[in-house]
Structure formats: C-alpha cells, structure tokens
Full PDB file with SEQRES, HELIX, SHEET, SSBOND, CRYST1, ORIGX, SCALE, CONECT and MASTER records, all heavy atoms in Angstrom:
SEQRES   1 A   40  VAL LEU SER CYS ASP PRO SER LEU ILE SER ARG MET ARG          
SEQRES   2 A   40  ASN GLY HIS ARG ASN PRO PRO GLN ASN PRO ARG GLN ILE          
SEQRES   3 A   40  LYS ILE LEU ALA ASN TYR PHE ALA LYS LYS CYS SER THR          
SEQRES   4 A   40  ASP                                                          
HELIX    1 AA1 PRO A    6  ARG A   13  1                                   8    
HELIX    2 AA2 PRO A   23  LYS A   36  1                                  14    
CRYST1    1.000    1.000    1.000  90.00  90.00  90.00 P 1           1          
ORIGX1      1.000000  0.000000  0.000000        0.00000                         
ORIGX2      0.000000  1.000000  0.000000        0.00000                         
ORIGX3      0.000000  0.000000  1.000000        0.00000                         
SCALE1      1.000000  0.000000  0.000000        0.00000                         
SCALE2      0.000000  1.000000  0.000000        0.00000                         
SCALE3      0.000000  0.000000  1.000000        0.00000                         
ATOM      1  N   VAL A   1     -30.547  -8.099  16.751  1.00  0.00           N  
ATOM      2  CA  VAL A   1     -30.908  -9.416  17.275  1.00  0.00           C  
ATOM      3  C   VAL A   1     -32.360  -9.751  16.926  1.00  0.00           C  
ATOM      4  O   VAL A   1     -32.673 -10.885  16.577  1.00  0.00           O  
ATOM      5  CB  VAL A   1     -30.695  -9.455  18.812  1.00  0.00           C  
ATOM      6  CG1 VAL A   1     -31.254 -10.718  19.420  1.00  0.00           C  
ATOM      7  CG2 VAL A   1     -29.226  -9.306  19.148  1.00  0.00           C  
ATOM      8  N   LEU A   2     -33.243  -8.759  17.013  1.00  0.00           N  
ATOM      9  CA  LEU A   2     -34.668  -8.976  16.747  1.00  0.00           C  
ATOM     10  C   LEU A   2     -35.048  -8.766  15.283  1.00  0.00           C  
ATOM     11  O   LEU A   2     -36.206  -8.930  14.924  1.00  0.00           O  
ATOM     12  CB  LEU A   2     -35.517  -8.047  17.612  1.00  0.00           C  
ATOM     13  CG  LEU A   2     -35.559  -8.350  19.099  1.00  0.00           C  
ATOM     14  CD1 LEU A   2     -36.343  -7.281  19.837  1.00  0.00           C  
ATOM     15  CD2 LEU A   2     -36.166  -9.718  19.348  1.00  0.00           C  
ATOM     16  N   SER A   3     -34.084  -8.367  14.467  1.00  0.00           N  
ATOM     17  CA  SER A   3     -34.335  -8.079  13.048  1.00  0.00           C  
ATOM     18  C   SER A   3     -35.445  -7.039  12.879  1.00  0.00           C  
ATOM     19  O   SER A   3     -36.448  -7.270  12.199  1.00  0.00           O  
ATOM     20  CB  SER A   3     -34.704  -9.356  12.280  1.00  0.00           C  
ATOM     21  OG  SER A   3     -33.662 -10.282  12.364  1.00  0.00           O  
ATOM     22  N   CYS A   4     -35.244  -5.914  13.544  1.00  0.00           N  
ATOM     23  CA  CYS A   4     -36.216  -4.828  13.446  1.00  0.00           C  
ATOM     24  C   CYS A   4     -35.465  -3.498  13.396  1.00  0.00           C  
ATOM     25  O   CYS A   4     -34.250  -3.455  13.508  1.00  0.00           O  
ATOM     26  CB  CYS A   4     -37.193  -4.857  14.619  1.00  0.00           C  
ATOM     27  SG  CYS A   4     -36.446  -4.494  16.221  1.00  0.00           S  
ATOM     28  N   ASP A   5     -36.194  -2.429  13.256  1.00  0.00           N  
ATOM     29  CA  ASP A   5     -35.616  -1.097  13.218  1.00  0.00           C  
ATOM     30  C   ASP A   5     -35.297  -0.639  14.646  1.00  0.00           C  
ATOM     31  O   ASP A   5     -36.076  -0.902  15.562  1.00  0.00           O  
ATOM     32  CB  ASP A   5     -36.611  -0.135  12.560  1.00  0.00           C  
ATOM     33  CG  ASP A   5     -35.980   1.193  12.248  1.00  0.00           C  
ATOM     34  OD1 ASP A   5     -35.337   1.302  11.188  1.00  0.00           O  
ATOM     35  OD2 ASP A   5     -36.126   2.115  13.084  1.00  0.00           O  
ATOM     36  N   PRO A   6     -34.178   0.052  14.863  1.00  0.00           N  
ATOM     37  CA  PRO A   6     -33.844   0.540  16.204  1.00  0.00           C  
ATOM     38  C   PRO A   6     -34.917   1.439  16.811  1.00  0.00           C  
ATOM     39  O   PRO A   6     -35.073   1.502  18.030  1.00  0.00           O  
ATOM     40  CB  PRO A   6     -32.537   1.317  16.000  1.00  0.00           C  
ATOM     41  CG  PRO A   6     -31.944   0.766  14.756  1.00  0.00           C  
ATOM     42  CD  PRO A   6     -33.098   0.333  13.901  1.00  0.00           C  
ATOM     43  N   SER A   7     -35.692   2.113  15.961  1.00  0.00           N  
ATOM     44  CA  SER A   7     -36.744   2.984  16.495  1.00  0.00           C  
ATOM     45  C   SER A   7     -37.833   2.177  17.207  1.00  0.00           C  
ATOM     46  O   SER A   7     -38.474   2.680  18.128  1.00  0.00           O  
ATOM     47  CB  SER A   7     -37.356   3.839  15.381  1.00  0.00           C  
ATOM     48  OG  SER A   7     -38.024   3.027  14.433  1.00  0.00           O  
ATOM     49  N   LEU A   8     -38.029   0.925  16.805  1.00  0.00           N  
ATOM     50  CA  LEU A   8     -38.994   0.071  17.492  1.00  0.00           C  
ATOM     51  C   LEU A   8     -38.537  -0.192  18.922  1.00  0.00           C  
ATOM     52  O   LEU A   8     -39.334  -0.138  19.859  1.00  0.00           O  
ATOM     53  CB  LEU A   8     -39.173  -1.255  16.742  1.00  0.00           C  
ATOM     54  CG  LEU A   8     -40.068  -2.283  17.422  1.00  0.00           C  
ATOM     55  CD1 LEU A   8     -41.494  -1.761  17.554  1.00  0.00           C  
ATOM     56  CD2 LEU A   8     -40.043  -3.592  16.675  1.00  0.00           C  
ATOM     57  N   ILE A   9     -37.257  -0.442  19.097  1.00  0.00           N  
ATOM     58  CA  ILE A   9     -36.712  -0.663  20.442  1.00  0.00           C  
ATOM     59  C   ILE A   9     -36.899   0.599  21.265  1.00  0.00           C  
ATOM     60  O   ILE A   9     -37.315   0.544  22.427  1.00  0.00           O  
ATOM     61  CB  ILE A   9     -35.215  -1.052  20.387  1.00  0.00           C  
ATOM     62  CG1 ILE A   9     -34.985  -2.269  19.486  1.00  0.00           C  
ATOM     63  CG2 ILE A   9     -34.662  -1.284  21.790  1.00  0.00           C  
ATOM     64  CD1 ILE A   9     -35.711  -3.523  19.887  1.00  0.00           C  
ATOM     65  N   SER A  10     -36.624   1.741  20.681  1.00  0.00           N  
ATOM     66  CA  SER A  10     -36.789   3.014  21.376  1.00  0.00           C  
ATOM     67  C   SER A  10     -38.244   3.225  21.799  1.00  0.00           C  
ATOM     68  O   SER A  10     -38.515   3.642  22.932  1.00  0.00           O  
ATOM     69  CB  SER A  10     -36.337   4.162  20.470  1.00  0.00           C  
ATOM     70  OG  SER A  10     -36.533   5.395  21.103  1.00  0.00           O  
ATOM     71  N   ARG A  11     -39.173   2.911  20.923  1.00  0.00           N  
ATOM     72  CA  ARG A  11     -40.599   3.082  21.256  1.00  0.00           C  
ATOM     73  C   ARG A  11     -41.022   2.115  22.359  1.00  0.00           C  
ATOM     74  O   ARG A  11     -41.824   2.473  23.221  1.00  0.00           O  
ATOM     75  CB  ARG A  11     -41.462   2.915  20.013  1.00  0.00           C  
ATOM     76  CG  ARG A  11     -41.314   4.082  19.036  1.00  0.00           C  
ATOM     77  CD  ARG A  11     -42.378   4.092  17.939  1.00  0.00           C  
ATOM     78  NE  ARG A  11     -42.427   2.872  17.149  1.00  0.00           N  
ATOM     79  CZ  ARG A  11     -41.735   2.654  16.035  1.00  0.00           C  
ATOM     80  NH1 ARG A  11     -40.936   3.596  15.571  1.00  0.00           N  
ATOM     81  NH2 ARG A  11     -41.853   1.521  15.378  1.00  0.00           N  
ATOM     82  N   MET A  12     -40.481   0.906  22.361  1.00  0.00           N  
ATOM     83  CA  MET A  12     -40.801  -0.040  23.439  1.00  0.00           C  
ATOM     84  C   MET A  12     -40.222   0.452  24.762  1.00  0.00           C  
ATOM     85  O   MET A  12     -40.865   0.344  25.807  1.00  0.00           O  
ATOM     86  CB  MET A  12     -40.266  -1.442  23.116  1.00  0.00           C  
ATOM     87  CG  MET A  12     -41.101  -2.173  22.088  1.00  0.00           C  
ATOM     88  SD  MET A  12     -40.739  -3.944  21.935  1.00  0.00           S  
ATOM     89  CE  MET A  12     -39.096  -3.917  21.225  1.00  0.00           C  
ATOM     90  N   ARG A  13     -39.019   1.004  24.718  1.00  0.00           N  
ATOM     91  CA  ARG A  13     -38.388   1.529  25.938  1.00  0.00           C  
ATOM     92  C   ARG A  13     -39.161   2.708  26.511  1.00  0.00           C  
ATOM     93  O   ARG A  13     -39.219   2.892  27.721  1.00  0.00           O  
ATOM     94  CB  ARG A  13     -36.957   1.983  25.652  1.00  0.00           C  
ATOM     95  CG  ARG A  13     -35.997   0.856  25.455  1.00  0.00           C  
ATOM     96  CD  ARG A  13     -34.612   1.356  25.183  1.00  0.00           C  
ATOM     97  NE  ARG A  13     -34.007   1.862  26.415  1.00  0.00           N  
ATOM     98  CZ  ARG A  13     -32.785   2.360  26.483  1.00  0.00           C  
ATOM     99  NH1 ARG A  13     -32.042   2.429  25.394  1.00  0.00           N  
ATOM    100  NH2 ARG A  13     -32.295   2.776  27.614  1.00  0.00           N  
ATOM    101  N   ASN A  14     -39.740   3.515  25.634  1.00  0.00           N  
ATOM    102  CA  ASN A  14     -40.489   4.690  26.076  1.00  0.00           C  
ATOM    103  C   ASN A  14     -41.933   4.376  26.414  1.00  0.00           C  
ATOM    104  O   ASN A  14     -42.673   5.262  26.834  1.00  0.00           O  
ATOM    105  CB  ASN A  14     -40.443   5.778  24.994  1.00  0.00           C  
ATOM    106  CG  ASN A  14     -39.055   6.343  24.830  1.00  0.00           C  
ATOM    107  OD1 ASN A  14     -38.305   6.442  25.785  1.00  0.00           O  
ATOM    108  ND2 ASN A  14     -38.693   6.685  23.609  1.00  0.00           N  
ATOM    109  N   GLY A  15     -42.355   3.133  26.199  1.00  0.00           N  
ATOM    110  CA  GLY A  15     -43.719   2.745  26.493  1.00  0.00           C  
ATOM    111  C   GLY A  15     -44.712   3.141  25.415  1.00  0.00           C  
ATOM    112  O   GLY A  15     -45.921   3.044  25.612  1.00  0.00           O  
ATOM    113  N   HIS A  16     -44.228   3.592  24.270  1.00  0.00           N  
ATOM    114  CA  HIS A  16     -45.101   3.986  23.166  1.00  0.00           C  
ATOM    115  C   HIS A  16     -45.465   2.803  22.283  1.00  0.00           C  
ATOM    116  O   HIS A  16     -46.273   2.945  21.376  1.00  0.00           O  
ATOM    117  CB  HIS A  16     -44.449   5.071  22.325  1.00  0.00           C  
ATOM    118  CG  HIS A  16     -44.216   6.330  23.094  1.00  0.00           C  
ATOM    119  ND1 HIS A  16     -43.563   7.405  22.559  1.00  0.00           N  
ATOM    120  CD2 HIS A  16     -44.528   6.701  24.360  1.00  0.00           C  
ATOM    121  CE1 HIS A  16     -43.485   8.365  23.454  1.00  0.00           C  
ATOM    122  NE2 HIS A  16     -44.063   7.947  24.555  1.00  0.00           N  
ATOM    123  N   ARG A  17     -44.851   1.672  22.526  1.00  0.00           N  
ATOM    124  CA  ARG A  17     -45.117   0.466  21.744  1.00  0.00           C  
ATOM    125  C   ARG A  17     -45.251  -0.699  22.717  1.00  0.00           C  
ATOM    126  O   ARG A  17     -44.476  -0.814  23.668  1.00  0.00           O  
ATOM    127  CB  ARG A  17     -43.967   0.227  20.767  1.00  0.00           C  
ATOM    128  CG  ARG A  17     -44.096  -0.968  19.880  1.00  0.00           C  
ATOM    129  CD  ARG A  17     -45.156  -0.728  18.810  1.00  0.00           C  
ATOM    130  NE  ARG A  17     -45.421  -1.952  18.081  1.00  0.00           N  
ATOM    131  CZ  ARG A  17     -45.071  -2.164  16.826  1.00  0.00           C  
ATOM    132  NH1 ARG A  17     -44.444  -1.218  16.150  1.00  0.00           N  
ATOM    133  NH2 ARG A  17     -45.361  -3.295  16.250  1.00  0.00           N  
ATOM    134  N   ASN A  18     -46.233  -1.531  22.495  1.00  0.00           N  
ATOM    135  CA  ASN A  18     -46.453  -2.696  23.351  1.00  0.00           C  
ATOM    136  C   ASN A  18     -45.313  -3.696  23.196  1.00  0.00           C  
ATOM    137  O   ASN A  18     -44.653  -3.733  22.159  1.00  0.00           O  
ATOM    138  CB  ASN A  18     -47.775  -3.372  22.992  1.00  0.00           C  
ATOM    139  CG  ASN A  18     -48.966  -2.518  23.369  1.00  0.00           C  
ATOM    140  OD1 ASN A  18     -48.909  -1.751  24.316  1.00  0.00           O  
ATOM    141  ND2 ASN A  18     -50.031  -2.652  22.621  1.00  0.00           N  
ATOM    142  N   PRO A  19     -45.125  -4.524  24.220  1.00  0.00           N  
ATOM    143  CA  PRO A  19     -44.097  -5.561  24.103  1.00  0.00           C  
ATOM    144  C   PRO A  19     -44.455  -6.533  22.983  1.00  0.00           C  
ATOM    145  O   PRO A  19     -45.620  -6.634  22.595  1.00  0.00           O  
ATOM    146  CB  PRO A  19     -44.121  -6.255  25.459  1.00  0.00           C  
ATOM    147  CG  PRO A  19     -45.336  -5.791  26.161  1.00  0.00           C  
ATOM    148  CD  PRO A  19     -45.807  -4.554  25.497  1.00  0.00           C  
ATOM    149  N   PRO A  20     -43.484  -7.241  22.477  1.00  0.00           N  
ATOM    150  CA  PRO A  20     -43.770  -8.218  21.421  1.00  0.00           C  
ATOM    151  C   PRO A  20     -44.810  -9.236  21.891  1.00  0.00           C  
ATOM    152  O   PRO A  20     -44.713  -9.752  23.000  1.00  0.00           O  
ATOM    153  CB  PRO A  20     -42.427  -8.901  21.168  1.00  0.00           C  
ATOM    154  CG  PRO A  20     -41.402  -8.006  21.748  1.00  0.00           C  
ATOM    155  CD  PRO A  20     -42.071  -7.230  22.844  1.00  0.00           C  
ATOM    156  N   GLN A  21     -45.780  -9.503  21.055  1.00  0.00           N  
ATOM    157  CA  GLN A  21     -46.808 -10.491  21.384  1.00  0.00           C  
ATOM    158  C   GLN A  21     -46.403 -11.888  20.930  1.00  0.00           C  
ATOM    159  O   GLN A  21     -46.962 -12.868  21.395  1.00  0.00           O  
ATOM    160  CB  GLN A  21     -48.139 -10.093  20.743  1.00  0.00           C  
ATOM    161  CG  GLN A  21     -48.679  -8.764  21.248  1.00  0.00           C  
ATOM    162  CD  GLN A  21     -48.893  -8.751  22.750  1.00  0.00           C  
ATOM    163  OE1 GLN A  21     -49.485  -9.663  23.307  1.00  0.00           O  
ATOM    164  NE2 GLN A  21     -48.378  -7.723  23.419  1.00  0.00           N  
ATOM    165  N   ASN A  22     -45.455 -11.939  20.033  1.00  0.00           N  
ATOM    166  CA  ASN A  22     -44.977 -13.208  19.516  1.00  0.00           C  
ATOM    167  C   ASN A  22     -44.062 -13.859  20.563  1.00  0.00           C  
ATOM    168  O   ASN A  22     -43.016 -13.298  20.911  1.00  0.00           O  
ATOM    169  CB  ASN A  22     -44.209 -12.965  18.207  1.00  0.00           C  
ATOM    170  CG  ASN A  22     -43.736 -14.227  17.544  1.00  0.00           C  
ATOM    171  OD1 ASN A  22     -43.649 -15.276  18.162  1.00  0.00           O  
ATOM    172  ND2 ASN A  22     -43.417 -14.114  16.265  1.00  0.00           N  
ATOM    173  N   PRO A  23     -44.438 -15.037  21.078  1.00  0.00           N  
ATOM    174  CA  PRO A  23     -43.604 -15.700  22.087  1.00  0.00           C  
ATOM    175  C   PRO A  23     -42.174 -15.967  21.607  1.00  0.00           C  
ATOM    176  O   PRO A  23     -41.243 -15.980  22.403  1.00  0.00           O  
ATOM    177  CB  PRO A  23     -44.330 -17.025  22.356  1.00  0.00           C  
ATOM    178  CG  PRO A  23     -45.711 -16.840  21.852  1.00  0.00           C  
ATOM    179  CD  PRO A  23     -45.646 -15.793  20.782  1.00  0.00           C  
ATOM    180  N   ARG A  24     -42.004 -16.126  20.312  1.00  0.00           N  
ATOM    181  CA  ARG A  24     -40.663 -16.360  19.755  1.00  0.00           C  
ATOM    182  C   ARG A  24     -39.766 -15.146  19.986  1.00  0.00           C  
ATOM    183  O   ARG A  24     -38.593 -15.289  20.334  1.00  0.00           O  
ATOM    184  CB  ARG A  24     -40.769 -16.676  18.265  1.00  0.00           C  
ATOM    185  CG  ARG A  24     -39.442 -17.019  17.618  1.00  0.00           C  
ATOM    186  CD  ARG A  24     -39.613 -17.378  16.128  1.00  0.00           C  
ATOM    187  NE  ARG A  24     -38.341 -17.417  15.476  1.00  0.00           N  
ATOM    188  CZ  ARG A  24     -37.725 -16.347  14.957  1.00  0.00           C  
ATOM    189  NH1 ARG A  24     -38.290 -15.162  14.990  1.00  0.00           N  
ATOM    190  NH2 ARG A  24     -36.541 -16.466  14.382  1.00  0.00           N  
ATOM    191  N   GLN A  25     -40.314 -13.940  19.818  1.00  0.00           N  
ATOM    192  CA  GLN A  25     -39.517 -12.732  20.025  1.00  0.00           C  
ATOM    193  C   GLN A  25     -39.155 -12.551  21.498  1.00  0.00           C  
ATOM    194  O   GLN A  25     -38.047 -12.128  21.815  1.00  0.00           O  
ATOM    195  CB  GLN A  25     -40.251 -11.512  19.498  1.00  0.00           C  
ATOM    196  CG  GLN A  25     -40.296 -11.456  17.988  1.00  0.00           C  
ATOM    197  CD  GLN A  25     -41.020 -10.224  17.492  1.00  0.00           C  
ATOM    198  OE1 GLN A  25     -42.061  -9.849  18.010  1.00  0.00           O  
ATOM    199  NE2 GLN A  25     -40.441  -9.592  16.489  1.00  0.00           N  
ATOM    200  N   ILE A  26     -40.087 -12.878  22.386  1.00  0.00           N  
ATOM    201  CA  ILE A  26     -39.785 -12.806  23.823  1.00  0.00           C  
ATOM    202  C   ILE A  26     -38.673 -13.795  24.154  1.00  0.00           C  
ATOM    203  O   ILE A  26     -37.752 -13.486  24.912  1.00  0.00           O  
ATOM    204  CB  ILE A  26     -41.045 -13.091  24.673  1.00  0.00           C  
ATOM    205  CG1 ILE A  26     -42.082 -11.970  24.501  1.00  0.00           C  
ATOM    206  CG2 ILE A  26     -40.693 -13.287  26.137  1.00  0.00           C  
ATOM    207  CD1 ILE A  26     -41.678 -10.629  25.083  1.00  0.00           C  
ATOM    208  N   LYS A  27     -38.740 -14.974  23.558  1.00  0.00           N  
ATOM    209  CA  LYS A  27     -37.704 -15.981  23.798  1.00  0.00           C  
ATOM    210  C   LYS A  27     -36.350 -15.498  23.282  1.00  0.00           C  
ATOM    211  O   LYS A  27     -35.321 -15.702  23.931  1.00  0.00           O  
ATOM    212  CB  LYS A  27     -38.097 -17.295  23.129  1.00  0.00           C  
ATOM    213  CG  LYS A  27     -37.199 -18.440  23.477  1.00  0.00           C  
ATOM    214  CD  LYS A  27     -37.703 -19.750  22.907  1.00  0.00           C  
ATOM    215  CE  LYS A  27     -36.766 -20.868  23.315  1.00  0.00           C  
ATOM    216  NZ  LYS A  27     -37.221 -22.170  22.876  1.00  0.00           N  
ATOM    217  N   ILE A  28     -36.349 -14.851  22.125  1.00  0.00           N  
ATOM    218  CA  ILE A  28     -35.103 -14.298  21.581  1.00  0.00           C  
ATOM    219  C   ILE A  28     -34.532 -13.252  22.530  1.00  0.00           C  
ATOM    220  O   ILE A  28     -33.335 -13.249  22.826  1.00  0.00           O  
ATOM    221  CB  ILE A  28     -35.325 -13.711  20.171  1.00  0.00           C  
ATOM    222  CG1 ILE A  28     -35.613 -14.828  19.169  1.00  0.00           C  
ATOM    223  CG2 ILE A  28     -34.132 -12.871  19.729  1.00  0.00           C  
ATOM    224  CD1 ILE A  28     -36.099 -14.333  17.812  1.00  0.00           C  
ATOM    225  N   LEU A  29     -35.391 -12.351  23.025  1.00  0.00           N  
ATOM    226  CA  LEU A  29     -34.951 -11.331  23.987  1.00  0.00           C  
ATOM    227  C   LEU A  29     -34.363 -11.996  25.237  1.00  0.00           C  
ATOM    228  O   LEU A  29     -33.268 -11.631  25.688  1.00  0.00           O  
ATOM    229  CB  LEU A  29     -36.126 -10.451  24.408  1.00  0.00           C  
ATOM    230  CG  LEU A  29     -36.568  -9.342  23.494  1.00  0.00           C  
ATOM    231  CD1 LEU A  29     -37.851  -8.709  24.018  1.00  0.00           C  
ATOM    232  CD2 LEU A  29     -35.486  -8.285  23.363  1.00  0.00           C  
ATOM    233  N   ALA A  30     -35.096 -12.945  25.792  1.00  0.00           N  
ATOM    234  CA  ALA A  30     -34.658 -13.608  27.018  1.00  0.00           C  
ATOM    235  C   ALA A  30     -33.328 -14.345  26.819  1.00  0.00           C  
ATOM    236  O   ALA A  30     -32.433 -14.254  27.659  1.00  0.00           O  
ATOM    237  CB  ALA A  30     -35.742 -14.567  27.497  1.00  0.00           C  
ATOM    238  N   ASN A  31     -33.200 -15.040  25.709  1.00  0.00           N  
ATOM    239  CA  ASN A  31     -31.939 -15.756  25.427  1.00  0.00           C  
ATOM    240  C   ASN A  31     -30.776 -14.781  25.280  1.00  0.00           C  
ATOM    241  O   ASN A  31     -29.676 -15.031  25.785  1.00  0.00           O  
ATOM    242  CB  ASN A  31     -32.070 -16.607  24.161  1.00  0.00           C  
ATOM    243  CG  ASN A  31     -32.862 -17.863  24.386  1.00  0.00           C  
ATOM    244  OD1 ASN A  31     -32.832 -18.446  25.456  1.00  0.00           O  
ATOM    245  ND2 ASN A  31     -33.588 -18.288  23.369  1.00  0.00           N  
ATOM    246  N   TYR A  32     -31.013 -13.685  24.586  1.00  0.00           N  
ATOM    247  CA  TYR A  32     -29.956 -12.694  24.377  1.00  0.00           C  
ATOM    248  C   TYR A  32     -29.475 -12.142  25.723  1.00  0.00           C  
ATOM    249  O   TYR A  32     -28.275 -12.131  26.009  1.00  0.00           O  
ATOM    250  CB  TYR A  32     -30.463 -11.560  23.481  1.00  0.00           C  
ATOM    251  CG  TYR A  32     -29.474 -10.436  23.351  1.00  0.00           C  
ATOM    252  CD1 TYR A  32     -28.390 -10.540  22.476  1.00  0.00           C  
ATOM    253  CD2 TYR A  32     -29.592  -9.275  24.106  1.00  0.00           C  
ATOM    254  CE1 TYR A  32     -27.457  -9.520  22.358  1.00  0.00           C  
ATOM    255  CE2 TYR A  32     -28.672  -8.248  23.996  1.00  0.00           C  
ATOM    256  CZ  TYR A  32     -27.613  -8.375  23.120  1.00  0.00           C  
ATOM    257  OH  TYR A  32     -26.686  -7.356  23.017  1.00  0.00           O  
ATOM    258  N   PHE A  33     -30.425 -11.690  26.546  1.00  0.00           N  
ATOM    259  CA  PHE A  33     -30.031 -11.088  27.818  1.00  0.00           C  
ATOM    260  C   PHE A  33     -29.451 -12.119  28.780  1.00  0.00           C  
ATOM    261  O   PHE A  33     -28.552 -11.792  29.563  1.00  0.00           O  
ATOM    262  CB  PHE A  33     -31.207 -10.332  28.446  1.00  0.00           C  
ATOM    263  CG  PHE A  33     -31.525  -9.058  27.728  1.00  0.00           C  
ATOM    264  CD1 PHE A  33     -32.769  -8.866  27.145  1.00  0.00           C  
ATOM    265  CD2 PHE A  33     -30.590  -8.044  27.609  1.00  0.00           C  
ATOM    266  CE1 PHE A  33     -33.082  -7.686  26.477  1.00  0.00           C  
ATOM    267  CE2 PHE A  33     -30.880  -6.862  26.937  1.00  0.00           C  
ATOM    268  CZ  PHE A  33     -32.125  -6.684  26.372  1.00  0.00           C  
ATOM    269  N   ALA A  34     -29.925 -13.355  28.726  1.00  0.00           N  
ATOM    270  CA  ALA A  34     -29.367 -14.400  29.592  1.00  0.00           C  
ATOM    271  C   ALA A  34     -27.899 -14.645  29.262  1.00  0.00           C  
ATOM    272  O   ALA A  34     -27.072 -14.830  30.166  1.00  0.00           O  
ATOM    273  CB  ALA A  34     -30.177 -15.687  29.439  1.00  0.00           C  
ATOM    274  N   LYS A  35     -27.574 -14.636  27.996  1.00  0.00           N  
ATOM    275  CA  LYS A  35     -26.173 -14.846  27.591  1.00  0.00           C  
ATOM    276  C   LYS A  35     -25.303 -13.644  27.937  1.00  0.00           C  
ATOM    277  O   LYS A  35     -24.121 -13.796  28.246  1.00  0.00           O  
ATOM    278  CB  LYS A  35     -26.100 -15.146  26.099  1.00  0.00           C  
ATOM    279  CG  LYS A  35     -26.636 -16.518  25.760  1.00  0.00           C  
ATOM    280  CD  LYS A  35     -26.627 -16.780  24.282  1.00  0.00           C  
ATOM    281  CE  LYS A  35     -27.261 -18.137  23.992  1.00  0.00           C  
ATOM    282  NZ  LYS A  35     -27.452 -18.380  22.570  1.00  0.00           N  
ATOM    283  N   LYS A  36     -25.875 -12.447  27.876  1.00  0.00           N  
ATOM    284  CA  LYS A  36     -25.109 -11.233  28.174  1.00  0.00           C  
ATOM    285  C   LYS A  36     -24.899 -11.022  29.674  1.00  0.00           C  
ATOM    286  O   LYS A  36     -23.996 -10.289  30.064  1.00  0.00           O  
ATOM    287  CB  LYS A  36     -25.819 -10.007  27.590  1.00  0.00           C  
ATOM    288  CG  LYS A  36     -25.890  -9.961  26.073  1.00  0.00           C  
ATOM    289  CD  LYS A  36     -24.586  -9.565  25.441  1.00  0.00           C  
ATOM    290  CE  LYS A  36     -24.372  -8.073  25.590  1.00  0.00           C  
ATOM    291  NZ  LYS A  36     -23.161  -7.601  24.960  1.00  0.00           N  
ATOM    292  N   CYS A  37     -25.723 -11.630  30.510  1.00  0.00           N  
ATOM    293  CA  CYS A  37     -25.608 -11.476  31.967  1.00  0.00           C  
ATOM    294  C   CYS A  37     -24.790 -12.620  32.537  1.00  0.00           C  
ATOM    295  O   CYS A  37     -25.325 -13.604  33.042  1.00  0.00           O  
ATOM    296  CB  CYS A  37     -27.000 -11.436  32.610  1.00  0.00           C  
ATOM    297  SG  CYS A  37     -27.915  -9.966  32.224  1.00  0.00           S  
ATOM    298  N   SER A  38     -23.492 -12.472  32.457  1.00  0.00           N  
ATOM    299  CA  SER A  38     -22.616 -13.561  32.873  1.00  0.00           C  
ATOM    300  C   SER A  38     -21.770 -13.218  34.100  1.00  0.00           C  
ATOM    301  O   SER A  38     -21.214 -14.115  34.725  1.00  0.00           O  
ATOM    302  CB  SER A  38     -21.692 -13.955  31.719  1.00  0.00           C  
ATOM    303  OG  SER A  38     -20.945 -12.837  31.295  1.00  0.00           O  
ATOM    304  N   THR A  39     -21.702 -11.965  34.470  1.00  0.00           N  
ATOM    305  CA  THR A  39     -20.870 -11.583  35.617  1.00  0.00           C  
ATOM    306  C   THR A  39     -21.653 -11.705  36.915  1.00  0.00           C  
ATOM    307  O   THR A  39     -22.888 -11.708  36.921  1.00  0.00           O  
ATOM    308  CB  THR A  39     -20.348 -10.146  35.480  1.00  0.00           C  
ATOM    309  OG1 THR A  39     -21.456  -9.239  35.580  1.00  0.00           O  
ATOM    310  CG2 THR A  39     -19.622  -9.929  34.155  1.00  0.00           C  
ATOM    311  N   ASP A  40     -20.927 -11.796  38.015  1.00  0.00           N  
ATOM    312  CA  ASP A  40     -21.566 -11.870  39.335  1.00  0.00           C  
ATOM    313  C   ASP A  40     -22.419 -10.635  39.589  1.00  0.00           C  
ATOM    314  O   ASP A  40     -23.514 -10.727  40.142  1.00  0.00           O  
ATOM    315  CB  ASP A  40     -20.521 -12.020  40.440  1.00  0.00           C  
ATOM    316  CG  ASP A  40     -19.832 -13.366  40.421  1.00  0.00           C  
ATOM    317  OD1 ASP A  40     -20.387 -14.315  39.825  1.00  0.00           O  
ATOM    318  OD2 ASP A  40     -18.734 -13.478  41.001  1.00  0.00           O  
TER     319      ASP A  40                                                      
MASTER        0    0    0    2    0    0    0    6  318    1    0    4          
END                                                                             
C-alpha cells in the first residue's frame, strides 16, 4: 500500500524507524486502516 519494502514497516513497528514525515503517507495509512475497520 505504501510502495515500500516490508522491512521498513517492521522497523517502524519496532520503533527503529520514525513515522512517515510525509503527510501524504500518513493519509494513505489512515485511509487504508479506515477502510479495513468496518466491523462493529
């Protein structure tokens, strides 16, 4: 979804990499998770 390497996601999850600074990437993350969270 973010057009990046899976290891980048792993490093962000482990706190070894800062969150994306680009507001566009944060928006992509937010849109993705908003669509995936559809159940009660």
